[in-house]
Amino acid sequence: MLTPSAAAGVLTVWACAVAWMDLRHRRIPNVLSLGAWVVGVLHLLIVGHSPLGASASSSWLAAGLALLVTLPGYLLRQLGAGDVKFLVALGLLTSWPLTLNSFAIGALLGAAVGLAGRNRLMLLSSLPAAWQTPGSRLARWAASAPQTPQKKRHLPFGACLTAGLLLGLWLTGLPAP
């Protein structure tokens, strides 16, 4: 079995792979999320605790809480099924505090990214007039924003959850390579 710090390293690599797939393809493959479910469940049943050393009850609770906080977003079509499966996998592999911290940090990051990308022109209009010179890089960036609503593209929330996990690992003192 891996030490908790080695498991944190493997968890970090896996979560970064999930984030990369979500950013690149706007999809989290089942092989990544459900494969982690298998690893997490087998580890809990055979060893009796999560790979990071949390009690089995903490990991099962984390998986249940992950469903509780993500299913409403999925039912409202704000989250994809991959996001739900990814957070449940995080719960099975970690503990309930780390899973909820990952979700909370990821949700805040997702909200910030979503708000920042919504309307570039509104952002430009709130800047001082001296920064709004025609032809400036900032003005060209704001003008490049689509003027008509496009097909709704969901935020790659798996990447936000990964950032929340990495920050949570760092805050709890587990090494996040």
N, C-alpha and C. Protein backbone atom coordinates (compact mmCIF):
# COMPACT_ATOMS: atom_id res chain seq x y z
N MET A 1 0.83 -1.19 0.00
CA MET A 1 0.00 0.00 0.00
C MET A 1 0.88 1.25 0.00
N LEU A 2 0.32 2.29 -0.57
CA LEU A 2 1.04 3.56 -0.64
C LEU A 2 0.91 4.32 0.69
N THR A 3 1.91 5.10 0.99
CA THR A 3 1.81 6.00 2.13
C THR A 3 0.82 7.11 1.76
N PRO A 4 0.25 7.78 2.76
CA PRO A 4 -0.69 8.87 2.42
C PRO A 4 -0.08 9.95 1.54
N SER A 5 1.20 10.27 1.72
CA SER A 5 1.80 11.30 0.87
C SER A 5 1.99 10.80 -0.56
N ALA A 6 2.34 9.52 -0.73
CA ALA A 6 2.45 8.96 -2.08
C ALA A 6 1.07 8.88 -2.72
N ALA A 7 0.06 8.51 -1.94
CA ALA A 7 -1.31 8.47 -2.46
C ALA A 7 -1.77 9.86 -2.87
N ALA A 8 -1.37 10.88 -2.12
CA ALA A 8 -1.71 12.26 -2.48
C ALA A 8 -1.07 12.63 -3.82
N GLY A 9 0.15 12.14 -4.05
CA GLY A 9 0.80 12.40 -5.33
C GLY A 9 0.07 11.74 -6.49
N VAL A 10 -0.32 10.48 -6.30
CA VAL A 10 -1.07 9.76 -7.35
C VAL A 10 -2.42 10.44 -7.56
N LEU A 11 -3.08 10.83 -6.48
CA LEU A 11 -4.36 11.52 -6.56
C LEU A 11 -4.22 12.83 -7.33
N THR A 12 -3.14 13.54 -7.11
CA THR A 12 -2.89 14.80 -7.80
C THR A 12 -2.72 14.58 -9.30
N VAL A 13 -1.95 13.57 -9.67
CA VAL A 13 -1.74 13.27 -11.10
C VAL A 13 -3.07 12.90 -11.75
N TRP A 14 -3.85 12.05 -11.09
CA TRP A 14 -5.15 11.64 -11.62
C TRP A 14 -6.08 12.85 -11.78
N ALA A 15 -6.17 13.68 -10.75
CA ALA A 15 -7.06 14.84 -10.80
C ALA A 15 -6.62 15.82 -11.89
N CYS A 16 -5.32 15.98 -12.09
CA CYS A 16 -4.83 16.86 -13.16
C CYS A 16 -5.18 16.28 -14.53
N ALA A 17 -5.15 14.97 -14.67
CA ALA A 17 -5.56 14.34 -15.93
C ALA A 17 -7.05 14.60 -16.19
N VAL A 18 -7.86 14.51 -15.13
CA VAL A 18 -9.29 14.81 -15.26
C VAL A 18 -9.48 16.27 -15.67
N ALA A 19 -8.76 17.17 -15.02
CA ALA A 19 -8.88 18.60 -15.34
C ALA A 19 -8.48 18.87 -16.79
N TRP A 20 -7.41 18.25 -17.23
CA TRP A 20 -6.94 18.45 -18.60
C TRP A 20 -8.00 17.98 -19.60
N MET A 21 -8.57 16.80 -19.36
CA MET A 21 -9.61 16.29 -20.26
C MET A 21 -10.84 17.20 -20.25
N ASP A 22 -11.20 17.70 -19.09
CA ASP A 22 -12.36 18.57 -19.00
C ASP A 22 -12.11 19.90 -19.70
N LEU A 23 -10.93 20.46 -19.54
CA LEU A 23 -10.60 21.72 -20.20
C LEU A 23 -10.50 21.56 -21.72
N ARG A 24 -9.92 20.47 -22.13
CA ARG A 24 -9.69 20.26 -23.56
C ARG A 24 -10.93 19.79 -24.31
N HIS A 25 -11.69 18.88 -23.71
CA HIS A 25 -12.81 18.26 -24.42
C HIS A 25 -14.18 18.57 -23.81
N ARG A 26 -14.21 19.30 -22.68
CA ARG A 26 -15.45 19.58 -21.96
C ARG A 26 -16.19 18.28 -21.62
N ARG A 27 -15.40 17.30 -21.25
CA ARG A 27 -15.95 15.98 -20.92
C ARG A 27 -14.97 15.27 -20.00
N ILE A 28 -15.50 14.56 -19.00
CA ILE A 28 -14.66 13.74 -18.12
C ILE A 28 -14.97 12.29 -18.46
N PRO A 29 -13.99 11.58 -19.03
CA PRO A 29 -14.25 10.19 -19.44
C PRO A 29 -14.59 9.29 -18.25
N ASN A 30 -15.51 8.38 -18.48
CA ASN A 30 -15.91 7.43 -17.43
C ASN A 30 -14.74 6.60 -16.96
N VAL A 31 -13.79 6.31 -17.84
CA VAL A 31 -12.66 5.47 -17.43
C VAL A 31 -11.87 6.15 -16.31
N LEU A 32 -11.84 7.48 -16.31
CA LEU A 32 -11.13 8.19 -15.24
C LEU A 32 -11.95 8.26 -13.94
N SER A 33 -13.23 8.59 -14.07
CA SER A 33 -14.01 8.74 -12.83
C SER A 33 -14.48 7.39 -12.28
N LEU A 34 -15.04 6.54 -13.12
CA LEU A 34 -15.53 5.26 -12.61
C LEU A 34 -14.38 4.32 -12.26
N GLY A 35 -13.25 4.46 -12.96
CA GLY A 35 -12.05 3.69 -12.59
C GLY A 35 -11.59 4.05 -11.19
N ALA A 36 -11.68 5.34 -10.86
CA ALA A 36 -11.32 5.77 -9.51
C ALA A 36 -12.33 5.27 -8.48
N TRP A 37 -13.59 5.14 -8.88
CA TRP A 37 -14.59 4.56 -7.98
C TRP A 37 -14.19 3.15 -7.61
N VAL A 38 -13.78 2.38 -8.60
CA VAL A 38 -13.39 0.98 -8.36
C VAL A 38 -12.20 0.93 -7.39
N VAL A 39 -11.20 1.75 -7.67
CA VAL A 39 -10.02 1.79 -6.80
C VAL A 39 -10.41 2.19 -5.39
N GLY A 40 -11.24 3.24 -5.27
CA GLY A 40 -11.65 3.72 -3.95
C GLY A 40 -12.45 2.69 -3.17
N VAL A 41 -13.44 2.08 -3.82
CA VAL A 41 -14.29 1.10 -3.14
C VAL A 41 -13.48 -0.12 -2.73
N LEU A 42 -12.64 -0.62 -3.64
CA LEU A 42 -11.81 -1.79 -3.30
C LEU A 42 -10.86 -1.48 -2.15
N HIS A 43 -10.27 -0.30 -2.17
CA HIS A 43 -9.36 0.10 -1.09
C HIS A 43 -10.11 0.18 0.23
N LEU A 44 -11.31 0.75 0.20
CA LEU A 44 -12.09 0.86 1.43
C LEU A 44 -12.49 -0.52 1.96
N LEU A 45 -12.88 -1.42 1.07
CA LEU A 45 -13.33 -2.75 1.49
C LEU A 45 -12.18 -3.64 1.94
N ILE A 46 -11.04 -3.56 1.26
CA ILE A 46 -9.92 -4.46 1.56
C ILE A 46 -9.06 -3.92 2.69
N VAL A 47 -8.69 -2.65 2.61
CA VAL A 47 -7.76 -2.07 3.59
C VAL A 47 -8.50 -1.48 4.79
N GLY A 48 -9.70 -0.97 4.56
CA GLY A 48 -10.49 -0.44 5.66
C GLY A 48 -10.38 1.06 5.86
N HIS A 49 -9.64 1.74 5.01
CA HIS A 49 -9.56 3.20 5.07
C HIS A 49 -9.26 3.72 3.66
N SER A 50 -9.36 5.04 3.49
CA SER A 50 -9.11 5.63 2.17
C SER A 50 -7.61 5.63 1.88
N PRO A 51 -7.23 5.81 0.62
CA PRO A 51 -5.80 5.88 0.30
C PRO A 51 -5.06 7.00 1.04
N LEU A 52 -5.78 8.05 1.42
CA LEU A 52 -5.14 9.13 2.17
C LEU A 52 -5.16 8.89 3.67
N GLY A 53 -5.72 7.76 4.10
CA GLY A 53 -5.71 7.40 5.52
C GLY A 53 -6.95 7.76 6.29
N ALA A 54 -7.97 8.31 5.63
CA ALA A 54 -9.22 8.65 6.33
C ALA A 54 -10.00 7.38 6.60
N SER A 55 -10.83 7.41 7.62
CA SER A 55 -11.63 6.24 7.97
C SER A 55 -12.60 5.91 6.84
N ALA A 56 -13.01 4.66 6.78
CA ALA A 56 -13.95 4.23 5.75
C ALA A 56 -15.27 4.99 5.88
N SER A 57 -15.71 5.22 7.10
CA SER A 57 -16.97 5.95 7.28
C SER A 57 -16.87 7.38 6.75
N SER A 58 -15.71 8.01 6.90
CA SER A 58 -15.51 9.36 6.38
C SER A 58 -15.57 9.36 4.85
N SER A 59 -14.99 8.35 4.24
CA SER A 59 -15.01 8.28 2.77
C SER A 59 -16.39 7.97 2.23
N TRP A 60 -17.12 7.05 2.87
CA TRP A 60 -18.48 6.75 2.43
C TRP A 60 -19.36 7.98 2.60
N LEU A 61 -19.19 8.69 3.70
CA LEU A 61 -19.95 9.92 3.94
C LEU A 61 -19.61 10.96 2.86
N ALA A 62 -18.33 11.05 2.52
CA ALA A 62 -17.91 12.01 1.49
C ALA A 62 -18.56 11.71 0.15
N ALA A 63 -18.65 10.43 -0.21
CA ALA A 63 -19.29 10.06 -1.47
C ALA A 63 -20.77 10.43 -1.44
N GLY A 64 -21.43 10.19 -0.32
CA GLY A 64 -22.83 10.56 -0.19
C GLY A 64 -23.04 12.06 -0.24
N LEU A 65 -22.18 12.82 0.43
CA LEU A 65 -22.28 14.27 0.41
C LEU A 65 -22.00 14.81 -0.99
N ALA A 66 -21.07 14.17 -1.70
CA ALA A 66 -20.78 14.59 -3.08
C ALA A 66 -22.03 14.47 -3.94
N LEU A 67 -22.74 13.38 -3.78
CA LEU A 67 -24.01 13.24 -4.51
C LEU A 67 -25.01 14.30 -4.08
N LEU A 68 -25.08 14.54 -2.80
CA LEU A 68 -26.03 15.51 -2.27
C LEU A 68 -25.79 16.92 -2.81
N VAL A 69 -24.53 17.33 -2.93
CA VAL A 69 -24.25 18.70 -3.38
C VAL A 69 -24.21 18.84 -4.90
N THR A 70 -24.01 17.75 -5.63
CA THR A 70 -23.91 17.88 -7.08
C THR A 70 -25.17 17.48 -7.85
N LEU A 71 -25.97 16.58 -7.31
CA LEU A 71 -27.16 16.15 -8.05
C LEU A 71 -28.13 17.29 -8.36
N PRO A 72 -28.36 18.24 -7.45
CA PRO A 72 -29.25 19.36 -7.84
C PRO A 72 -28.70 20.13 -9.05
N GLY A 73 -27.41 20.38 -9.10
CA GLY A 73 -26.81 21.06 -10.24
C GLY A 73 -26.93 20.25 -11.52
N TYR A 74 -26.81 18.94 -11.40
CA TYR A 74 -26.99 18.07 -12.56
C TYR A 74 -28.44 18.10 -13.04
N LEU A 75 -29.38 18.00 -12.11
CA LEU A 75 -30.80 18.00 -12.49
C LEU A 75 -31.23 19.33 -13.09
N LEU A 76 -30.58 20.42 -12.69
CA LEU A 76 -30.87 21.73 -13.27
C LEU A 76 -30.02 22.02 -14.51
N ARG A 77 -29.28 21.03 -14.95
CA ARG A 77 -28.43 21.11 -16.15
C ARG A 77 -27.33 22.17 -16.02
N GLN A 78 -26.85 22.37 -14.79
CA GLN A 78 -25.74 23.28 -14.56
C GLN A 78 -24.42 22.54 -14.41
N LEU A 79 -24.50 21.26 -14.11
CA LEU A 79 -23.32 20.40 -14.00
C LEU A 79 -23.52 19.20 -14.92
N GLY A 80 -22.41 18.68 -15.42
CA GLY A 80 -22.48 17.47 -16.21
C GLY A 80 -22.38 16.23 -15.33
N ALA A 81 -22.74 15.10 -15.90
CA ALA A 81 -22.67 13.84 -15.16
C ALA A 81 -21.22 13.53 -14.77
N GLY A 82 -20.27 13.92 -15.61
CA GLY A 82 -18.86 13.70 -15.29
C GLY A 82 -18.43 14.43 -14.04
N ASP A 83 -18.95 15.63 -13.84
CA ASP A 83 -18.62 16.40 -12.64
C ASP A 83 -19.13 15.69 -11.39
N VAL A 84 -20.34 15.14 -11.48
CA VAL A 84 -20.93 14.41 -10.35
C VAL A 84 -20.08 13.18 -10.04
N LYS A 85 -19.76 12.39 -11.08
CA LYS A 85 -18.98 11.16 -10.88
C LYS A 85 -17.57 11.47 -10.37
N PHE A 86 -17.00 12.57 -10.83
CA PHE A 86 -15.66 12.96 -10.39
C PHE A 86 -15.65 13.30 -8.90
N LEU A 87 -16.64 14.07 -8.44
CA LEU A 87 -16.65 14.44 -7.02
C LEU A 87 -16.94 13.23 -6.14
N VAL A 88 -17.79 12.31 -6.61
CA VAL A 88 -18.03 11.08 -5.84
C VAL A 88 -16.73 10.27 -5.74
N ALA A 89 -15.98 10.21 -6.84
CA ALA A 89 -14.69 9.52 -6.81
C ALA A 89 -13.74 10.18 -5.82
N LEU A 90 -13.73 11.51 -5.80
CA LEU A 90 -12.89 12.21 -4.81
C LEU A 90 -13.30 11.82 -3.40
N GLY A 91 -14.60 11.73 -3.17
CA GLY A 91 -15.08 11.33 -1.85
C GLY A 91 -14.61 9.94 -1.47
N LEU A 92 -14.70 9.00 -2.40
CA LEU A 92 -14.27 7.63 -2.11
C LEU A 92 -12.77 7.53 -1.87
N LEU A 93 -12.01 8.41 -2.46
CA LEU A 93 -10.55 8.36 -2.34
C LEU A 93 -10.01 9.21 -1.19
N THR A 94 -10.82 10.11 -0.66
CA THR A 94 -10.31 11.03 0.37
C THR A 94 -11.18 10.95 1.63
N SER A 95 -11.65 12.09 2.09
CA SER A 95 -12.47 12.17 3.31
C SER A 95 -13.55 13.21 3.10
N TRP A 96 -14.51 13.26 4.02
CA TRP A 96 -15.58 14.23 3.82
C TRP A 96 -15.11 15.68 3.94
N PRO A 97 -14.19 16.04 4.86
CA PRO A 97 -13.79 17.45 4.89
C PRO A 97 -13.07 17.88 3.60
N LEU A 98 -12.19 17.01 3.11
CA LEU A 98 -11.45 17.36 1.90
C LEU A 98 -12.38 17.42 0.69
N THR A 99 -13.34 16.55 0.62
CA THR A 99 -14.29 16.56 -0.50
C THR A 99 -15.15 17.82 -0.47
N LEU A 100 -15.66 18.18 0.69
CA LEU A 100 -16.48 19.40 0.78
C LEU A 100 -15.64 20.65 0.54
N ASN A 101 -14.40 20.66 1.03
CA ASN A 101 -13.52 21.80 0.74
C ASN A 101 -13.25 21.90 -0.75
N SER A 102 -13.01 20.77 -1.40
CA SER A 102 -12.76 20.77 -2.85
C SER A 102 -13.98 21.33 -3.58
N PHE A 103 -15.17 20.92 -3.16
CA PHE A 103 -16.39 21.42 -3.79
C PHE A 103 -16.57 22.92 -3.55
N ALA A 104 -16.38 23.35 -2.31
CA ALA A 104 -16.59 24.77 -1.98
C ALA A 104 -15.59 25.65 -2.73
N ILE A 105 -14.32 25.28 -2.71
CA ILE A 105 -13.31 26.06 -3.42
C ILE A 105 -13.57 26.02 -4.92
N GLY A 106 -13.90 24.84 -5.43
CA GLY A 106 -14.20 24.72 -6.86
C GLY A 106 -15.40 25.54 -7.27
N ALA A 107 -16.44 25.57 -6.43
CA ALA A 107 -17.64 26.36 -6.75
C ALA A 107 -17.32 27.85 -6.75
N LEU A 108 -16.53 28.31 -5.80
CA LEU A 108 -16.15 29.72 -5.78
C LEU A 108 -15.30 30.07 -6.99
N LEU A 109 -14.36 29.21 -7.32
CA LEU A 109 -13.52 29.45 -8.50
C LEU A 109 -14.36 29.43 -9.77
N GLY A 110 -15.27 28.47 -9.87
CA GLY A 110 -16.14 28.39 -11.04
C GLY A 110 -17.01 29.62 -11.18
N ALA A 111 -17.54 30.11 -10.07
CA ALA A 111 -18.36 31.32 -10.11
C ALA A 111 -17.53 32.52 -10.56
N ALA A 112 -16.31 32.63 -10.05
CA ALA A 112 -15.46 33.75 -10.44
C ALA A 112 -15.12 33.69 -11.93
N VAL A 113 -14.77 32.51 -12.41
CA VAL A 113 -14.44 32.36 -13.83
C VAL A 113 -15.67 32.63 -14.69
N GLY A 114 -16.81 32.10 -14.26
CA GLY A 114 -18.04 32.32 -15.01
C GLY A 114 -18.43 33.78 -15.08
N LEU A 115 -18.32 34.49 -13.97
CA LEU A 115 -18.67 35.91 -13.96
C LEU A 115 -17.68 36.73 -14.77
N ALA A 116 -16.41 36.40 -14.70
CA ALA A 116 -15.41 37.16 -15.44
C ALA A 116 -15.57 37.00 -16.94
N GLY A 117 -16.03 35.84 -17.38
CA GLY A 117 -16.15 35.61 -18.80
C GLY A 117 -17.48 35.99 -19.39
N ARG A 118 -18.46 36.40 -18.59
CA ARG A 118 -19.81 36.66 -19.09
C ARG A 118 -19.88 37.85 -20.04
N ASN A 119 -19.36 38.98 -19.61
CA ASN A 119 -19.56 40.16 -20.43
C ASN A 119 -18.33 41.05 -20.39
N ARG A 120 -17.51 40.93 -21.41
CA ARG A 120 -16.27 41.72 -21.46
C ARG A 120 -16.56 43.21 -21.61
N LEU A 121 -17.60 43.55 -22.35
CA LEU A 121 -17.90 44.96 -22.55
C LEU A 121 -18.31 45.64 -21.26
N MET A 122 -19.04 44.93 -20.41
CA MET A 122 -19.42 45.50 -19.12
C MET A 122 -18.16 45.75 -18.28
N LEU A 123 -17.22 44.83 -18.35
CA LEU A 123 -15.97 44.99 -17.62
C LEU A 123 -15.21 46.21 -18.12
N LEU A 124 -15.15 46.36 -19.44
CA LEU A 124 -14.43 47.49 -20.01
C LEU A 124 -15.07 48.81 -19.62
N SER A 125 -16.40 48.86 -19.62
CA SER A 125 -17.08 50.12 -19.30
C SER A 125 -16.88 50.54 -17.85
N SER A 126 -16.53 49.61 -16.99
CA SER A 126 -16.33 49.97 -15.59
C SER A 126 -14.91 50.43 -15.29
N LEU A 127 -14.02 50.36 -16.29
CA LEU A 127 -12.64 50.80 -16.10
C LEU A 127 -12.53 52.30 -16.29
N PRO A 128 -11.51 52.92 -15.71
CA PRO A 128 -11.32 54.36 -15.90
C PRO A 128 -11.17 54.70 -17.39
N ALA A 129 -11.62 55.89 -17.77
CA ALA A 129 -11.61 56.31 -19.18
C ALA A 129 -10.20 56.28 -19.77
N ALA A 130 -9.20 56.56 -18.96
CA ALA A 130 -7.82 56.58 -19.47
C ALA A 130 -7.38 55.20 -19.95
N TRP A 131 -7.99 54.14 -19.45
CA TRP A 131 -7.60 52.78 -19.84
C TRP A 131 -8.37 52.31 -21.07
N GLN A 132 -9.38 53.09 -21.50
CA GLN A 132 -10.26 52.66 -22.57
C GLN A 132 -9.87 53.27 -23.92
N THR A 133 -8.63 53.59 -24.14
CA THR A 133 -8.22 54.20 -25.39
C THR A 133 -8.50 53.27 -26.57
N PRO A 134 -9.10 53.81 -27.65
CA PRO A 134 -9.38 52.97 -28.82
C PRO A 134 -8.09 52.38 -29.37
N GLY A 135 -8.14 51.15 -29.76
CA GLY A 135 -6.97 50.48 -30.33
C GLY A 135 -6.06 49.86 -29.29
N SER A 136 -6.32 50.12 -28.01
CA SER A 136 -5.48 49.50 -26.98
C SER A 136 -5.76 48.01 -26.93
N ARG A 137 -4.84 47.28 -26.38
CA ARG A 137 -5.00 45.83 -26.26
C ARG A 137 -6.27 45.49 -25.48
N LEU A 138 -6.55 46.23 -24.42
CA LEU A 138 -7.74 45.99 -23.61
C LEU A 138 -9.01 46.24 -24.41
N ALA A 139 -9.04 47.31 -25.20
CA ALA A 139 -10.21 47.62 -26.01
C ALA A 139 -10.43 46.56 -27.09
N ARG A 140 -9.35 46.10 -27.73
CA ARG A 140 -9.46 45.03 -28.73
C ARG A 140 -9.97 43.74 -28.11
N TRP A 141 -9.50 43.43 -26.88
CA TRP A 141 -9.95 42.23 -26.19
C TRP A 141 -11.44 42.30 -25.90
N ALA A 142 -11.89 43.47 -25.41
CA ALA A 142 -13.31 43.62 -25.11
C ALA A 142 -14.16 43.57 -26.37
N ALA A 143 -13.66 44.16 -27.45
CA ALA A 143 -14.41 44.16 -28.70
C ALA A 143 -14.49 42.76 -29.33
N SER A 144 -13.59 41.88 -28.97
CA SER A 144 -13.60 40.54 -29.54
C SER A 144 -14.67 39.65 -28.93
N ALA A 145 -15.35 40.14 -27.91
CA ALA A 145 -16.40 39.35 -27.26
C ALA A 145 -17.56 39.17 -28.23
N PRO A 146 -18.14 37.99 -28.27
CA PRO A 146 -19.30 37.78 -29.15
C PRO A 146 -20.45 38.72 -28.77
N GLN A 147 -21.06 39.33 -29.76
CA GLN A 147 -22.14 40.27 -29.50
C GLN A 147 -23.49 39.57 -29.38
N THR A 148 -23.60 38.38 -29.93
CA THR A 148 -24.85 37.63 -29.84
C THR A 148 -24.63 36.40 -28.98
N PRO A 149 -25.64 36.01 -28.26
CA PRO A 149 -25.48 34.82 -27.43
C PRO A 149 -25.18 33.60 -28.29
N GLN A 150 -24.22 32.82 -27.85
CA GLN A 150 -23.85 31.60 -28.56
C GLN A 150 -24.44 30.41 -27.82
N LYS A 151 -24.29 29.25 -28.43
CA LYS A 151 -24.73 28.03 -27.78
C LYS A 151 -24.07 27.96 -26.40
N LYS A 152 -24.85 27.63 -25.41
CA LYS A 152 -24.34 27.60 -24.04
C LYS A 152 -23.25 26.54 -23.91
N ARG A 153 -22.09 26.98 -23.45
CA ARG A 153 -21.00 26.06 -23.17
C ARG A 153 -20.81 26.03 -21.67
N HIS A 154 -20.85 24.84 -21.14
CA HIS A 154 -20.70 24.70 -19.70
C HIS A 154 -19.25 24.94 -19.29
N LEU A 155 -19.11 25.49 -18.12
CA LEU A 155 -17.80 25.70 -17.51
C LEU A 155 -17.18 24.35 -17.21
N PRO A 156 -15.92 24.15 -17.48
CA PRO A 156 -15.29 22.87 -17.13
C PRO A 156 -15.10 22.77 -15.62
N PHE A 157 -16.17 22.37 -14.94
CA PHE A 157 -16.19 22.36 -13.48
C PHE A 157 -15.23 21.34 -12.90
N GLY A 158 -14.91 20.27 -13.65
CA GLY A 158 -13.94 19.30 -13.18
C GLY A 158 -12.58 19.93 -12.91
N ALA A 159 -12.22 20.90 -13.75
CA ALA A 159 -10.95 21.62 -13.55
C ALA A 159 -11.02 22.47 -12.29
N CYS A 160 -12.17 23.07 -12.04
CA CYS A 160 -12.34 23.86 -10.81
C CYS A 160 -12.29 22.96 -9.57
N LEU A 161 -12.89 21.77 -9.67
CA LEU A 161 -12.83 20.82 -8.55
C LEU A 161 -11.39 20.37 -8.31
N THR A 162 -10.64 20.18 -9.39
CA THR A 162 -9.24 19.79 -9.24
C THR A 162 -8.46 20.89 -8.52
N ALA A 163 -8.69 22.13 -8.90
CA ALA A 163 -8.02 23.25 -8.21
C ALA A 163 -8.41 23.27 -6.74
N GLY A 164 -9.68 23.01 -6.46
CA GLY A 164 -10.13 22.94 -5.06
C GLY A 164 -9.46 21.81 -4.31
N LEU A 165 -9.31 20.66 -4.96
CA LEU A 165 -8.63 19.52 -4.33
C LEU A 165 -7.18 19.86 -4.03
N LEU A 166 -6.48 20.43 -5.00
CA LEU A 166 -5.06 20.75 -4.80
C LEU A 166 -4.88 21.77 -3.67
N LEU A 167 -5.75 22.76 -3.64
CA LEU A 167 -5.67 23.74 -2.55
C LEU A 167 -6.03 23.09 -1.22
N GLY A 168 -7.03 22.21 -1.24
CA GLY A 168 -7.40 21.49 -0.01
C GLY A 168 -6.28 20.60 0.49
N LEU A 169 -5.60 19.90 -0.42
CA LEU A 169 -4.45 19.08 -0.01
C LEU A 169 -3.35 19.93 0.59
N TRP A 170 -3.12 21.08 -0.01
CA TRP A 170 -2.08 21.97 0.48
C TRP A 170 -2.46 22.52 1.85
N LEU A 171 -3.71 22.89 2.02
CA LEU A 171 -4.15 23.44 3.32
C LEU A 171 -4.13 22.41 4.44
N THR A 172 -4.39 21.13 4.09
CA THR A 172 -4.39 20.10 5.13
C THR A 172 -2.97 19.58 5.44
N GLY A 173 -2.01 20.06 4.69
CA GLY A 173 -0.63 19.66 4.96
C GLY A 173 -0.18 18.43 4.20
N LEU A 174 -1.08 17.80 3.44
CA LEU A 174 -0.64 16.68 2.62
C LEU A 174 0.09 17.23 1.41
N PRO A 175 1.19 16.63 1.03
CA PRO A 175 1.94 17.18 -0.11
C PRO A 175 1.15 17.02 -1.39
N ALA A 176 1.08 18.07 -2.15
CA ALA A 176 0.44 18.05 -3.47
C ALA A 176 1.50 18.39 -4.50
N PRO A 177 2.20 17.39 -5.01
CA PRO A 177 3.32 17.67 -5.93
C PRO A 177 2.91 18.46 -7.14
